[in-house]
């Protein structure tokens, strides 16, 4: 019934969610809100897109990809502001990289 739960891209995005929220909780208020919204947007748009067809589906996947890129940029900000080290961020960034790569293929 919920076919999106079988998608590897959805599972990777879901796996990244707890660490993205944890990093957000360590950041200032604006960054916290923005990173949480972007992180949740990835999974929600993948799920909604899976129920659509053709261009409509691709548009939801594009939005999810944009949110994943936004999360990566927020993690860069968190790193340069000294909130987290690169070592702490690496596994989450690797998941985001996989999500972006899969969504690129899904939108072509």
N, C-alpha and C. Protein backbone atom coordinates (compact mmCIF):
# COMPACT_ATOMS: atom_id res chain seq x y z
N UNK A 1 0.81 -1.20 0.00
CA UNK A 1 0.00 0.00 0.00
C UNK A 1 0.86 1.27 0.00
N UNK A 2 1.86 1.32 0.87
CA UNK A 2 2.76 2.47 0.92
C UNK A 2 4.05 2.10 0.21
N UNK A 3 4.01 2.15 -1.11
CA UNK A 3 5.13 1.72 -1.93
C UNK A 3 6.41 2.51 -1.70
N UNK A 4 6.29 3.75 -1.26
CA UNK A 4 7.48 4.57 -1.03
C UNK A 4 8.38 3.97 0.04
N UNK A 5 7.79 3.19 0.95
CA UNK A 5 8.59 2.58 2.02
C UNK A 5 9.57 1.55 1.50
N UNK A 6 9.35 1.07 0.28
CA UNK A 6 10.24 0.10 -0.33
C UNK A 6 11.37 0.74 -1.10
N UNK A 7 11.29 2.04 -1.33
CA UNK A 7 12.30 2.76 -2.11
C UNK A 7 13.57 2.95 -1.29
N UNK A 8 14.71 2.60 -1.88
CA UNK A 8 15.99 2.78 -1.21
C UNK A 8 16.22 4.25 -0.89
N UNK A 9 15.83 5.13 -1.78
CA UNK A 9 16.03 6.56 -1.56
C UNK A 9 15.25 7.04 -0.34
N UNK A 10 14.06 6.52 -0.16
CA UNK A 10 13.25 6.88 1.01
C UNK A 10 13.91 6.36 2.29
N UNK A 11 14.37 5.12 2.26
CA UNK A 11 15.00 4.53 3.44
C UNK A 11 16.28 5.28 3.82
N UNK A 12 17.06 5.68 2.82
CA UNK A 12 18.27 6.46 3.11
C UNK A 12 17.92 7.82 3.71
N UNK A 13 16.93 8.48 3.15
CA UNK A 13 16.49 9.77 3.68
C UNK A 13 15.98 9.61 5.11
N UNK A 14 15.26 8.56 5.36
CA UNK A 14 14.74 8.29 6.70
C UNK A 14 15.89 7.98 7.67
N UNK A 15 16.90 7.26 7.20
CA UNK A 15 18.07 6.96 8.04
C UNK A 15 18.83 8.23 8.41
N UNK A 16 18.84 9.21 7.53
CA UNK A 16 19.56 10.45 7.79
C UNK A 16 18.79 11.37 8.75
N UNK A 17 17.50 11.20 8.84
CA UNK A 17 16.65 12.12 9.60
C UNK A 17 17.06 12.29 11.07
N UNK A 18 17.29 11.22 11.83
CA UNK A 18 17.65 11.43 13.24
C UNK A 18 18.94 12.23 13.43
N UNK A 19 19.95 11.97 12.61
CA UNK A 19 21.19 12.72 12.78
C UNK A 19 21.03 14.16 12.32
N UNK A 20 20.25 14.39 11.27
CA UNK A 20 20.00 15.77 10.84
C UNK A 20 19.29 16.55 11.94
N UNK A 21 18.31 15.93 12.59
CA UNK A 21 17.63 16.59 13.70
C UNK A 21 18.59 16.82 14.87
N UNK A 22 19.46 15.86 15.13
CA UNK A 22 20.42 16.01 16.23
C UNK A 22 21.38 17.18 15.96
N UNK A 23 21.87 17.28 14.72
CA UNK A 23 22.73 18.41 14.38
C UNK A 23 21.95 19.72 14.46
N UNK A 24 20.71 19.70 14.02
CA UNK A 24 19.88 20.90 14.09
C UNK A 24 19.71 21.36 15.54
N UNK A 25 19.54 20.42 16.44
CA UNK A 25 19.36 20.76 17.85
C UNK A 25 20.58 21.43 18.46
N UNK A 26 21.73 21.24 17.85
CA UNK A 26 22.96 21.84 18.35
C UNK A 26 23.20 23.23 17.76
N UNK A 27 22.43 23.60 16.76
CA UNK A 27 22.62 24.87 16.05
C UNK A 27 21.75 25.98 16.65
N UNK A 28 21.93 27.19 16.12
CA UNK A 28 21.12 28.32 16.55
C UNK A 28 19.67 28.14 16.07
N UNK A 29 18.78 28.97 16.55
CA UNK A 29 17.35 28.83 16.27
C UNK A 29 16.98 28.82 14.80
N UNK A 30 17.53 29.75 14.02
CA UNK A 30 17.20 29.82 12.60
C UNK A 30 17.69 28.58 11.86
N UNK A 31 18.93 28.20 12.12
CA UNK A 31 19.49 27.01 11.47
C UNK A 31 18.72 25.77 11.89
N UNK A 32 18.37 25.69 13.16
CA UNK A 32 17.61 24.55 13.68
C UNK A 32 16.30 24.37 12.90
N UNK A 33 15.55 25.44 12.81
CA UNK A 33 14.25 25.37 12.11
C UNK A 33 14.42 25.02 10.63
N UNK A 34 15.38 25.67 9.99
CA UNK A 34 15.57 25.45 8.55
C UNK A 34 16.03 24.03 8.25
N UNK A 35 16.98 23.52 9.04
CA UNK A 35 17.49 22.17 8.81
C UNK A 35 16.41 21.13 9.09
N UNK A 36 15.64 21.31 10.13
CA UNK A 36 14.55 20.37 10.43
C UNK A 36 13.53 20.35 9.29
N UNK A 37 13.15 21.52 8.81
CA UNK A 37 12.15 21.59 7.72
C UNK A 37 12.68 20.93 6.46
N UNK A 38 13.93 21.21 6.11
CA UNK A 38 14.51 20.63 4.90
C UNK A 38 14.65 19.11 5.04
N UNK A 39 15.08 18.65 6.20
CA UNK A 39 15.27 17.21 6.42
C UNK A 39 13.95 16.46 6.29
N UNK A 40 12.92 16.99 6.89
CA UNK A 40 11.61 16.35 6.82
C UNK A 40 11.04 16.43 5.41
N UNK A 41 11.32 17.52 4.72
CA UNK A 41 10.83 17.71 3.36
C UNK A 41 11.33 16.63 2.40
N UNK A 42 12.53 16.14 2.62
CA UNK A 42 13.07 15.09 1.74
C UNK A 42 12.14 13.89 1.76
N UNK A 43 11.88 13.36 2.95
CA UNK A 43 11.06 12.15 3.05
C UNK A 43 9.62 12.40 2.61
N UNK A 44 9.07 13.54 2.98
CA UNK A 44 7.67 13.82 2.63
C UNK A 44 7.49 13.95 1.12
N UNK A 45 8.43 14.60 0.44
CA UNK A 45 8.30 14.77 -1.00
C UNK A 45 8.55 13.47 -1.76
N UNK A 46 9.44 12.62 -1.25
CA UNK A 46 9.62 11.31 -1.87
C UNK A 46 8.33 10.52 -1.75
N UNK A 47 7.74 10.52 -0.57
CA UNK A 47 6.50 9.78 -0.35
C UNK A 47 5.38 10.31 -1.26
N UNK A 48 5.21 11.62 -1.29
CA UNK A 48 4.14 12.19 -2.11
C UNK A 48 4.40 11.95 -3.59
N UNK A 49 5.65 12.09 -4.01
CA UNK A 49 5.98 11.86 -5.41
C UNK A 49 5.72 10.44 -5.85
N UNK A 50 5.90 9.49 -4.95
CA UNK A 50 5.70 8.09 -5.32
C UNK A 50 4.25 7.79 -5.70
N UNK A 51 3.34 8.63 -5.26
CA UNK A 51 1.93 8.44 -5.59
C UNK A 51 1.49 9.22 -6.82
N UNK A 52 2.40 9.90 -7.46
CA UNK A 52 2.09 10.71 -8.65
C UNK A 52 2.62 10.03 -9.89
N UNK A 53 2.37 10.64 -11.02
CA UNK A 53 2.82 10.11 -12.30
C UNK A 53 3.61 11.15 -13.08
N UNK A 54 4.53 10.68 -13.90
CA UNK A 54 5.24 11.45 -14.92
C UNK A 54 5.86 12.74 -14.38
N UNK A 55 5.54 13.89 -15.02
CA UNK A 55 6.16 15.15 -14.65
C UNK A 55 5.83 15.56 -13.22
N UNK A 56 4.64 15.26 -12.78
CA UNK A 56 4.23 15.58 -11.42
C UNK A 56 5.13 14.84 -10.42
N UNK A 57 5.36 13.57 -10.68
CA UNK A 57 6.22 12.76 -9.83
C UNK A 57 7.63 13.31 -9.81
N UNK A 58 8.16 13.60 -10.99
CA UNK A 58 9.53 14.13 -11.08
C UNK A 58 9.67 15.46 -10.33
N UNK A 59 8.63 16.27 -10.36
CA UNK A 59 8.70 17.56 -9.65
C UNK A 59 8.83 17.35 -8.14
N UNK A 60 8.11 16.40 -7.58
CA UNK A 60 8.25 16.12 -6.15
C UNK A 60 9.64 15.59 -5.83
N UNK A 61 10.18 14.76 -6.71
CA UNK A 61 11.53 14.25 -6.51
C UNK A 61 12.57 15.35 -6.65
N UNK A 62 12.33 16.32 -7.54
CA UNK A 62 13.24 17.48 -7.65
C UNK A 62 13.22 18.30 -6.37
N UNK A 63 12.05 18.49 -5.81
CA UNK A 63 11.94 19.24 -4.56
C UNK A 63 12.67 18.50 -3.45
N UNK A 64 12.51 17.19 -3.39
CA UNK A 64 13.22 16.38 -2.39
C UNK A 64 14.72 16.53 -2.56
N UNK A 65 15.20 16.49 -3.81
CA UNK A 65 16.63 16.66 -4.08
C UNK A 65 17.10 18.03 -3.62
N UNK A 66 16.33 19.05 -3.89
CA UNK A 66 16.68 20.40 -3.43
C UNK A 66 16.76 20.48 -1.91
N UNK A 67 15.85 19.82 -1.24
CA UNK A 67 15.89 19.80 0.22
C UNK A 67 17.12 19.06 0.74
N UNK A 68 17.51 17.98 0.06
CA UNK A 68 18.72 17.25 0.47
C UNK A 68 19.95 18.13 0.28
N UNK A 69 20.00 18.88 -0.82
CA UNK A 69 21.12 19.79 -1.05
C UNK A 69 21.12 20.92 0.00
N UNK A 70 19.94 21.37 0.37
CA UNK A 70 19.82 22.39 1.40
C UNK A 70 20.36 21.87 2.74
N UNK A 71 20.05 20.61 3.04
CA UNK A 71 20.58 20.00 4.27
C UNK A 71 22.10 19.95 4.23
N UNK A 72 22.66 19.59 3.09
CA UNK A 72 24.12 19.53 2.96
C UNK A 72 24.73 20.92 3.19
N UNK A 73 24.11 21.95 2.66
CA UNK A 73 24.60 23.31 2.86
C UNK A 73 24.49 23.72 4.34
N UNK A 74 23.41 23.32 4.98
CA UNK A 74 23.25 23.61 6.41
C UNK A 74 24.33 22.91 7.23
N UNK A 75 24.67 21.68 6.84
CA UNK A 75 25.75 20.97 7.53
C UNK A 75 27.09 21.67 7.32
N UNK A 76 27.30 22.23 6.13
CA UNK A 76 28.51 23.03 5.90
C UNK A 76 28.57 24.21 6.86
N UNK A 77 27.43 24.90 7.01
CA UNK A 77 27.37 26.04 7.92
C UNK A 77 27.64 25.60 9.36
N UNK A 78 27.06 24.49 9.75
CA UNK A 78 27.27 23.96 11.10
C UNK A 78 28.75 23.64 11.33
N UNK A 79 29.40 23.11 10.30
CA UNK A 79 30.83 22.79 10.41
C UNK A 79 31.66 24.06 10.54
N UNK A 80 31.46 25.03 9.65
CA UNK A 80 32.32 26.22 9.68
C UNK A 80 32.05 27.09 10.90
N UNK A 81 30.87 26.96 11.49
CA UNK A 81 30.57 27.70 12.71
C UNK A 81 31.06 26.98 13.97
N UNK A 82 31.64 25.79 13.78
CA UNK A 82 32.21 25.08 14.91
C UNK A 82 31.21 24.31 15.75
N UNK A 83 30.02 24.11 15.22
CA UNK A 83 28.99 23.38 15.96
C UNK A 83 29.26 21.87 15.92
N UNK A 84 29.82 21.40 14.82
CA UNK A 84 30.15 19.98 14.66
C UNK A 84 31.40 19.86 13.80
N UNK A 85 32.14 18.79 14.02
CA UNK A 85 33.35 18.55 13.23
C UNK A 85 33.01 17.79 11.95
N UNK A 86 33.92 17.83 11.01
CA UNK A 86 33.73 17.08 9.76
C UNK A 86 33.57 15.60 10.04
N UNK A 87 34.33 15.10 11.00
CA UNK A 87 34.24 13.67 11.35
C UNK A 87 32.83 13.31 11.81
N UNK A 88 32.20 14.19 12.57
CA UNK A 88 30.84 13.94 13.05
C UNK A 88 29.83 13.95 11.91
N UNK A 89 30.09 14.77 10.91
CA UNK A 89 29.14 14.98 9.82
C UNK A 89 29.25 13.96 8.70
N UNK A 90 30.36 13.27 8.60
CA UNK A 90 30.67 12.45 7.43
C UNK A 90 29.60 11.42 7.10
N UNK A 91 29.15 10.63 8.06
CA UNK A 91 28.19 9.56 7.73
C UNK A 91 26.85 10.15 7.27
N UNK A 92 26.43 11.26 7.85
CA UNK A 92 25.18 11.90 7.43
C UNK A 92 25.33 12.47 6.03
N UNK A 93 26.48 13.08 5.75
CA UNK A 93 26.72 13.63 4.42
C UNK A 93 26.76 12.52 3.37
N UNK A 94 27.30 11.36 3.73
CA UNK A 94 27.32 10.24 2.79
C UNK A 94 25.91 9.76 2.46
N UNK A 95 25.04 9.73 3.45
CA UNK A 95 23.63 9.36 3.19
C UNK A 95 22.97 10.39 2.28
N UNK A 96 23.21 11.67 2.58
CA UNK A 96 22.63 12.73 1.73
C UNK A 96 23.15 12.64 0.31
N UNK A 97 24.42 12.32 0.15
CA UNK A 97 25.01 12.17 -1.18
C UNK A 97 24.31 11.04 -1.94
N UNK A 98 24.05 9.93 -1.28
CA UNK A 98 23.33 8.82 -1.90
C UNK A 98 21.92 9.24 -2.29
N UNK A 99 21.26 9.97 -1.40
CA UNK A 99 19.88 10.43 -1.68
C UNK A 99 19.87 11.33 -2.91
N UNK A 100 20.79 12.28 -2.96
CA UNK A 100 20.86 13.20 -4.10
C UNK A 100 21.13 12.44 -5.40
N UNK A 101 22.06 11.49 -5.35
CA UNK A 101 22.39 10.72 -6.56
C UNK A 101 21.17 9.91 -7.04
N UNK A 102 20.47 9.27 -6.13
CA UNK A 102 19.29 8.50 -6.54
C UNK A 102 18.20 9.40 -7.08
N UNK A 103 17.99 10.54 -6.45
CA UNK A 103 16.95 11.45 -6.92
C UNK A 103 17.31 12.05 -8.27
N UNK A 104 18.60 12.25 -8.52
CA UNK A 104 19.02 12.72 -9.86
C UNK A 104 18.60 11.71 -10.92
N UNK A 105 18.84 10.45 -10.66
CA UNK A 105 18.44 9.42 -11.63
C UNK A 105 16.93 9.34 -11.77
N UNK A 106 16.22 9.57 -10.70
CA UNK A 106 14.76 9.46 -10.72
C UNK A 106 14.09 10.64 -11.43
N UNK A 107 14.81 11.74 -11.61
CA UNK A 107 14.21 12.91 -12.25
C UNK A 107 14.60 13.06 -13.71
N UNK A 108 15.45 12.18 -14.21
CA UNK A 108 15.87 12.28 -15.62
C UNK A 108 14.86 11.63 -16.55
